Amino acid sequence: MSDHPLLDTAVLEELRDLDPQLLTDTLSLYKEDGARHIAAIAAALESGDDDVRRRNAHSFKGSSGTVGAMRVMAACRAVEAETNDHEAAFAKLRAEFAEACQAIDSFLAS
């Protein structure tokens, strides 16, 4: 069990209060960009390109924080780090992102 919540719904509620369409657009873009980051990190791990791995993990970490995807953000931090088992950290990131996407869809439906 993680010390971080899956989603910080206070962040999402704040975005919804500002502009419901902005929230929908932002979360849709987050999911699309997240899928691209996941693919780029997978390719970087396969090719051994640490710079691409770090850059994508760092960027994904920032966007995850913006939308309140706290466990994805923590998983990105592990993938970005120099001294971790990157394959295991990446597997965790993929799982956390999939779970966050489901939670985002549920939040938007509420």
Foldseek 3Di string as FASTA:
>chain_A
DDPADQFPVVLLVVQCVVPVVSSVVLLVVLLVLLVVLLVQLVVCVVVVPLVSQQVSLVVNLVSCVNRGRVQLNVLSVQCNDDPHPNVVSSVSNVVSSVVSNVVSVVVSVD
